N, C-alpha and C. Protein backbone atom coordinates (compact mmCIF):
# COMPACT_ATOMS: atom_id res chain seq x y z
N MET A 1 49.57 -11.16 31.68
CA MET A 1 50.49 -12.53 31.71
C MET A 1 49.77 -13.70 32.28
N THR A 2 50.07 -15.03 31.53
CA THR A 2 49.54 -16.14 31.83
C THR A 2 50.39 -16.75 32.77
N LEU A 3 49.95 -17.23 33.87
CA LEU A 3 50.94 -17.75 35.10
C LEU A 3 51.15 -19.19 34.64
N THR A 4 52.39 -19.28 34.15
CA THR A 4 52.88 -20.63 33.77
C THR A 4 54.37 -20.68 34.32
N TYR A 5 54.94 -21.92 34.63
CA TYR A 5 56.39 -22.01 35.05
C TYR A 5 57.34 -21.26 34.33
N GLY A 6 57.05 -21.47 32.90
CA GLY A 6 57.96 -20.55 31.98
C GLY A 6 57.77 -19.16 32.08
N ALA A 7 56.61 -18.60 32.28
CA ALA A 7 56.54 -17.03 32.65
C ALA A 7 57.21 -16.70 33.90
N ILE A 8 57.10 -17.48 35.04
CA ILE A 8 57.61 -17.25 36.20
C ILE A 8 59.24 -17.24 36.08
N GLY A 9 59.67 -18.38 35.22
CA GLY A 9 61.00 -18.47 35.04
C GLY A 9 61.69 -17.41 34.24
N GLN A 10 60.84 -16.86 33.27
CA GLN A 10 61.45 -15.62 32.56
C GLN A 10 61.73 -14.31 33.55
N ARG A 11 60.71 -14.04 34.46
CA ARG A 11 60.91 -13.04 35.41
C ARG A 11 62.18 -13.43 36.20
N LEU A 12 62.25 -14.53 36.75
CA LEU A 12 63.40 -14.88 37.57
C LEU A 12 64.65 -14.70 37.00
N LYS A 13 64.91 -15.20 35.62
CA LYS A 13 66.15 -15.01 34.87
C LYS A 13 66.35 -13.50 34.59
N ALA A 14 65.32 -12.79 34.22
CA ALA A 14 65.59 -11.40 33.92
C ALA A 14 66.08 -10.65 35.03
N VAL A 15 65.29 -10.89 36.11
CA VAL A 15 65.69 -10.11 37.50
C VAL A 15 67.31 -10.60 37.88
N ARG A 16 67.45 -11.89 37.87
CA ARG A 16 68.67 -12.43 38.26
C ARG A 16 69.86 -11.81 37.43
N GLN A 17 69.69 -11.80 36.33
CA GLN A 17 70.65 -10.95 35.34
C GLN A 17 70.93 -9.49 35.40
N GLN A 18 69.72 -8.97 35.57
CA GLN A 18 69.59 -7.37 36.09
C GLN A 18 70.32 -7.21 37.23
N LEU A 19 70.40 -8.03 38.33
CA LEU A 19 71.06 -7.70 39.54
C LEU A 19 72.57 -8.14 39.40
N GLY A 20 72.98 -9.07 38.31
CA GLY A 20 74.26 -9.53 38.17
C GLY A 20 74.73 -10.78 38.83
N PHE A 21 73.62 -11.36 39.49
CA PHE A 21 73.82 -12.87 39.87
C PHE A 21 74.22 -13.81 38.78
N THR A 22 74.82 -14.85 39.25
CA THR A 22 75.12 -15.97 38.34
C THR A 22 74.19 -16.88 38.96
N GLN A 23 73.91 -18.26 38.00
CA GLN A 23 73.03 -19.15 38.28
C GLN A 23 73.76 -19.96 39.54
N SER A 24 75.12 -20.01 39.61
CA SER A 24 75.87 -20.67 40.57
C SER A 24 75.81 -20.14 41.82
N GLN A 25 75.64 -18.54 42.00
CA GLN A 25 75.59 -17.73 43.21
C GLN A 25 74.27 -18.16 43.91
N VAL A 26 73.12 -18.14 43.01
CA VAL A 26 71.89 -18.43 43.42
C VAL A 26 71.68 -19.66 43.87
N ALA A 27 72.27 -20.74 43.17
CA ALA A 27 72.12 -22.12 43.46
C ALA A 27 72.81 -22.32 44.93
N ASP A 28 73.98 -21.76 45.04
CA ASP A 28 74.85 -21.74 46.32
C ASP A 28 73.72 -21.18 47.61
N PHE A 29 73.19 -20.13 47.16
CA PHE A 29 72.24 -19.52 48.26
C PHE A 29 71.18 -20.39 48.57
N LEU A 30 70.51 -21.09 47.70
CA LEU A 30 69.40 -21.80 47.85
C LEU A 30 69.88 -23.27 48.27
N LYS A 31 71.27 -23.55 48.06
CA LYS A 31 71.72 -24.98 48.61
C LYS A 31 70.97 -25.76 47.67
N VAL A 32 70.95 -25.68 46.44
CA VAL A 32 70.71 -26.68 45.40
C VAL A 32 71.78 -26.67 44.01
N LYS A 33 71.68 -27.60 43.26
CA LYS A 33 72.61 -27.67 42.10
C LYS A 33 72.26 -26.56 41.14
N ARG A 34 73.20 -26.04 40.55
CA ARG A 34 73.04 -24.81 39.57
C ARG A 34 72.08 -25.39 38.47
N GLU A 35 72.07 -26.54 37.98
CA GLU A 35 71.20 -26.90 36.93
C GLU A 35 69.71 -26.71 37.33
N ASN A 36 69.36 -26.81 38.67
CA ASN A 36 67.90 -26.52 39.33
C ASN A 36 67.57 -24.92 38.78
N ILE A 37 68.50 -24.28 38.94
CA ILE A 37 68.38 -22.73 38.70
C ILE A 37 67.81 -22.61 37.28
N SER A 38 68.75 -23.41 36.43
CA SER A 38 68.23 -23.32 34.80
C SER A 38 67.01 -23.97 34.69
N TYR A 39 66.69 -24.85 35.32
CA TYR A 39 65.17 -25.45 35.19
C TYR A 39 64.13 -24.42 35.69
N TYR A 40 64.52 -23.98 36.60
CA TYR A 40 63.43 -22.70 37.24
C TYR A 40 63.16 -21.87 36.15
N GLU A 41 64.36 -21.45 35.59
CA GLU A 41 64.28 -20.27 34.82
C GLU A 41 63.69 -20.45 33.35
N THR A 42 63.89 -21.88 32.91
CA THR A 42 63.35 -22.19 31.65
C THR A 42 61.95 -22.73 31.62
N GLY A 43 61.57 -22.85 33.06
CA GLY A 43 60.14 -23.42 33.18
C GLY A 43 59.85 -24.86 33.08
N SER A 44 61.03 -25.46 32.97
CA SER A 44 60.98 -27.04 32.55
C SER A 44 60.73 -27.71 33.94
N ARG A 45 60.97 -27.26 35.09
CA ARG A 45 60.66 -27.90 36.34
C ARG A 45 59.81 -26.69 37.12
N PRO A 46 59.05 -27.20 38.15
CA PRO A 46 58.23 -26.27 38.93
C PRO A 46 58.97 -25.76 39.99
N ILE A 47 58.65 -24.80 40.40
CA ILE A 47 59.41 -24.04 41.53
C ILE A 47 58.29 -24.00 42.77
N ASP A 48 58.80 -24.43 43.75
CA ASP A 48 57.81 -24.46 44.98
C ASP A 48 57.74 -23.10 45.53
N THR A 49 56.73 -22.68 46.36
CA THR A 49 56.57 -21.36 46.98
C THR A 49 57.59 -20.92 47.95
N LEU A 50 58.35 -22.00 48.55
CA LEU A 50 59.25 -21.63 49.64
C LEU A 50 60.44 -21.13 48.74
N THR A 51 60.82 -21.76 47.70
CA THR A 51 61.82 -21.35 46.82
C THR A 51 61.79 -19.93 46.32
N LEU A 52 60.63 -19.92 45.69
CA LEU A 52 60.22 -18.66 45.07
C LEU A 52 60.16 -17.41 46.12
N SER A 53 59.72 -17.60 47.32
CA SER A 53 59.88 -16.70 48.25
C SER A 53 61.18 -16.26 48.67
N LYS A 54 62.26 -17.35 48.77
CA LYS A 54 63.51 -17.08 49.05
C LYS A 54 64.23 -16.29 47.97
N LEU A 55 63.94 -16.46 46.58
CA LEU A 55 64.26 -15.79 45.47
C LEU A 55 63.83 -14.45 45.57
N SER A 56 62.38 -14.08 45.83
CA SER A 56 61.90 -12.84 45.86
C SER A 56 62.56 -11.87 46.94
N ASN A 57 62.89 -12.51 48.12
CA ASN A 57 63.67 -11.92 49.24
C ASN A 57 65.11 -11.51 48.59
N LEU A 58 65.61 -12.43 47.99
CA LEU A 58 66.96 -12.23 47.55
C LEU A 58 67.15 -10.99 46.41
N TYR A 59 66.15 -11.05 45.47
CA TYR A 59 66.12 -10.19 44.25
C TYR A 59 65.41 -8.90 44.91
N GLY A 60 64.74 -8.55 45.99
CA GLY A 60 64.17 -7.46 46.35
C GLY A 60 62.84 -7.17 45.54
N TYR A 61 62.16 -8.32 44.99
CA TYR A 61 60.77 -8.14 44.47
C TYR A 61 59.72 -8.76 45.38
N SER A 62 58.56 -8.39 45.01
CA SER A 62 57.53 -8.91 45.84
C SER A 62 57.44 -10.35 45.18
N LEU A 63 56.62 -11.28 45.97
CA LEU A 63 56.45 -12.39 45.28
C LEU A 63 55.45 -12.36 44.34
N SER A 64 54.55 -11.43 44.58
CA SER A 64 53.38 -11.22 43.61
C SER A 64 54.07 -10.76 42.11
N TYR A 65 55.07 -10.13 42.02
CA TYR A 65 55.69 -9.78 40.89
C TYR A 65 56.03 -11.06 40.04
N PHE A 66 56.69 -11.94 40.74
CA PHE A 66 57.00 -13.32 39.99
C PHE A 66 55.68 -14.12 39.49
N LEU A 67 54.68 -13.93 40.32
CA LEU A 67 53.39 -14.71 40.23
C LEU A 67 52.66 -13.98 38.97
N GLY A 68 53.07 -13.03 38.57
CA GLY A 68 52.28 -12.26 37.39
C GLY A 68 51.25 -11.25 37.74
N SER A 69 51.15 -10.76 38.99
CA SER A 69 50.21 -9.72 39.17
C SER A 69 50.64 -8.46 39.22
N GLU A 70 51.96 -8.23 39.03
CA GLU A 70 52.50 -6.88 38.73
C GLU A 70 53.52 -7.00 37.76
N GLU A 71 53.22 -5.94 36.83
CA GLU A 71 53.98 -5.91 35.61
C GLU A 71 55.13 -5.03 35.62
N ASP A 72 55.36 -4.16 36.27
CA ASP A 72 56.54 -3.19 36.29
C ASP A 72 57.60 -3.80 36.76
N THR A 73 58.80 -4.01 36.20
CA THR A 73 60.02 -4.73 36.32
C THR A 73 61.13 -3.69 36.87
N SER A 74 60.76 -2.44 36.83
CA SER A 74 61.86 -1.32 36.86
C SER A 74 61.87 -0.86 38.38
N ASN A 75 60.60 -1.41 39.21
CA ASN A 75 60.75 -0.91 40.67
C ASN A 75 60.46 -2.07 41.62
N PRO A 76 61.73 -2.53 41.84
CA PRO A 76 61.81 -3.65 42.93
C PRO A 76 61.21 -2.87 44.12
N VAL A 77 60.75 -3.91 45.22
CA VAL A 77 60.28 -3.50 46.43
C VAL A 77 61.61 -2.74 47.24
N VAL A 78 62.54 -3.48 47.12
CA VAL A 78 63.79 -2.92 47.88
C VAL A 78 64.96 -2.96 46.73
N ALA A 79 65.71 -1.97 46.69
CA ALA A 79 66.81 -1.87 45.87
C ALA A 79 68.08 -1.72 46.65
N THR A 80 69.31 -2.45 46.29
CA THR A 80 70.51 -2.15 46.98
C THR A 80 71.56 -2.30 45.97
N ALA A 81 72.68 -1.79 46.31
CA ALA A 81 73.84 -1.67 45.45
C ALA A 81 75.04 -2.52 46.12
N PHE A 82 75.54 -3.48 45.34
CA PHE A 82 76.68 -4.30 45.66
C PHE A 82 77.46 -4.79 44.44
N ARG A 83 78.53 -5.43 44.59
CA ARG A 83 79.31 -5.95 43.65
C ARG A 83 78.94 -7.55 43.62
N ALA A 84 78.16 -8.04 42.66
CA ALA A 84 77.56 -9.35 42.90
C ALA A 84 78.62 -10.44 42.61
N HIS A 85 79.76 -10.13 41.88
CA HIS A 85 80.68 -11.12 41.44
C HIS A 85 81.51 -11.60 42.75
N ASP A 86 81.58 -11.09 43.89
CA ASP A 86 82.50 -11.28 45.00
C ASP A 86 81.85 -11.77 46.05
N LEU A 87 80.42 -12.17 46.06
CA LEU A 87 79.76 -12.42 47.07
C LEU A 87 79.65 -13.90 47.52
N SER A 88 79.63 -14.13 48.77
CA SER A 88 79.66 -15.61 49.32
C SER A 88 78.16 -15.97 49.76
N PRO A 89 77.89 -17.24 49.65
CA PRO A 89 76.62 -17.63 50.08
C PRO A 89 76.00 -16.94 51.37
N GLU A 90 76.95 -16.75 52.34
CA GLU A 90 76.66 -15.94 53.53
C GLU A 90 76.26 -14.50 53.23
N ASP A 91 76.82 -13.80 52.26
CA ASP A 91 76.66 -12.56 51.93
C ASP A 91 75.15 -12.54 51.24
N LEU A 92 74.95 -13.51 50.38
CA LEU A 92 73.63 -13.48 49.68
C LEU A 92 72.50 -13.68 50.92
N ASN A 93 72.72 -14.51 51.83
CA ASN A 93 71.80 -14.52 53.14
C ASN A 93 71.47 -13.21 53.77
N ILE A 94 72.51 -12.51 54.03
CA ILE A 94 72.40 -11.22 54.76
C ILE A 94 71.77 -10.14 53.64
N ILE A 95 72.05 -10.23 52.42
CA ILE A 95 71.33 -9.36 51.41
C ILE A 95 69.81 -9.78 51.58
N ALA A 96 69.65 -10.90 51.49
CA ALA A 96 68.12 -11.53 51.38
C ALA A 96 67.42 -10.97 52.74
N TRP A 97 68.09 -11.26 53.99
CA TRP A 97 67.41 -10.72 55.14
C TRP A 97 66.98 -9.23 55.11
N VAL A 98 68.08 -8.44 54.71
CA VAL A 98 67.95 -7.08 54.90
C VAL A 98 66.80 -6.66 53.86
N LYS A 99 66.75 -7.15 52.58
CA LYS A 99 65.80 -6.67 51.54
C LYS A 99 64.28 -7.00 52.28
N LYS A 100 64.35 -8.35 52.80
CA LYS A 100 62.96 -8.85 53.45
C LYS A 100 62.63 -7.99 54.67
N PHE A 101 63.68 -7.64 55.47
CA PHE A 101 63.23 -6.72 56.55
C PHE A 101 62.96 -5.31 56.07
N THR A 102 63.48 -4.78 55.12
CA THR A 102 63.29 -3.55 54.74
C THR A 102 61.82 -3.48 54.07
N SER A 103 61.52 -4.33 53.26
CA SER A 103 60.15 -4.53 52.35
C SER A 103 59.00 -4.56 53.41
N ASN A 104 59.22 -5.58 54.61
CA ASN A 104 58.45 -5.56 55.66
C ASN A 104 58.28 -4.17 56.36
N LEU A 105 59.32 -3.57 56.72
CA LEU A 105 59.27 -2.18 57.23
C LEU A 105 58.37 -1.34 56.67
N SER A 106 58.61 -1.18 55.19
CA SER A 106 57.87 -0.41 54.21
C SER A 106 56.44 -0.72 54.39
N ILE A 107 56.05 -2.06 54.57
CA ILE A 107 54.56 -2.46 54.37
C ILE A 107 53.83 -1.85 55.82
N ILE A 108 54.81 -2.19 56.83
CA ILE A 108 54.24 -1.58 58.32
C ILE A 108 53.95 0.03 58.10
N ASN A 109 55.08 0.66 57.56
CA ASN A 109 54.82 2.19 57.44
C ASN A 109 53.52 2.57 56.77
N LYS A 110 53.24 1.89 55.71
CA LYS A 110 52.32 1.97 54.93
C LYS A 110 50.74 1.89 55.64
N ILE A 111 50.75 0.78 56.50
CA ILE A 111 49.77 0.35 57.42
C ILE A 111 49.45 1.49 58.29
N VAL A 112 50.34 1.87 58.89
CA VAL A 112 50.30 2.92 59.96
C VAL A 112 50.19 4.29 59.55
N GLY A 113 50.49 4.42 58.24
CA GLY A 113 50.20 5.76 57.51
C GLY A 113 51.44 6.74 57.78
N ASP A 114 52.41 6.34 58.10
CA ASP A 114 53.57 7.19 58.13
C ASP A 114 54.34 7.55 57.02
């Protein structure tokens, strides 16, 4: 995959839809306008690394997946189950924190060989 904003945006959109999040929910989580999410997903505006990192935490995928060095979309780093339609921005913050914590714990376990 060629690393372009459009390619990153395609992956962001596919994962968001797979998880059942709306653009509005993601925008509320990031504290940006909904249109910004659309711009990121179409690649018409660049996405900064901090925002991409926040989305990778929320979605449970590694940052490298969105940057194109991982091809498999079926295996997020962290998978959870929830009803996406009734989540508040605070709920999304908690989900992102749990997924980031779990991902980091998994990495630590691999390093120590457990």
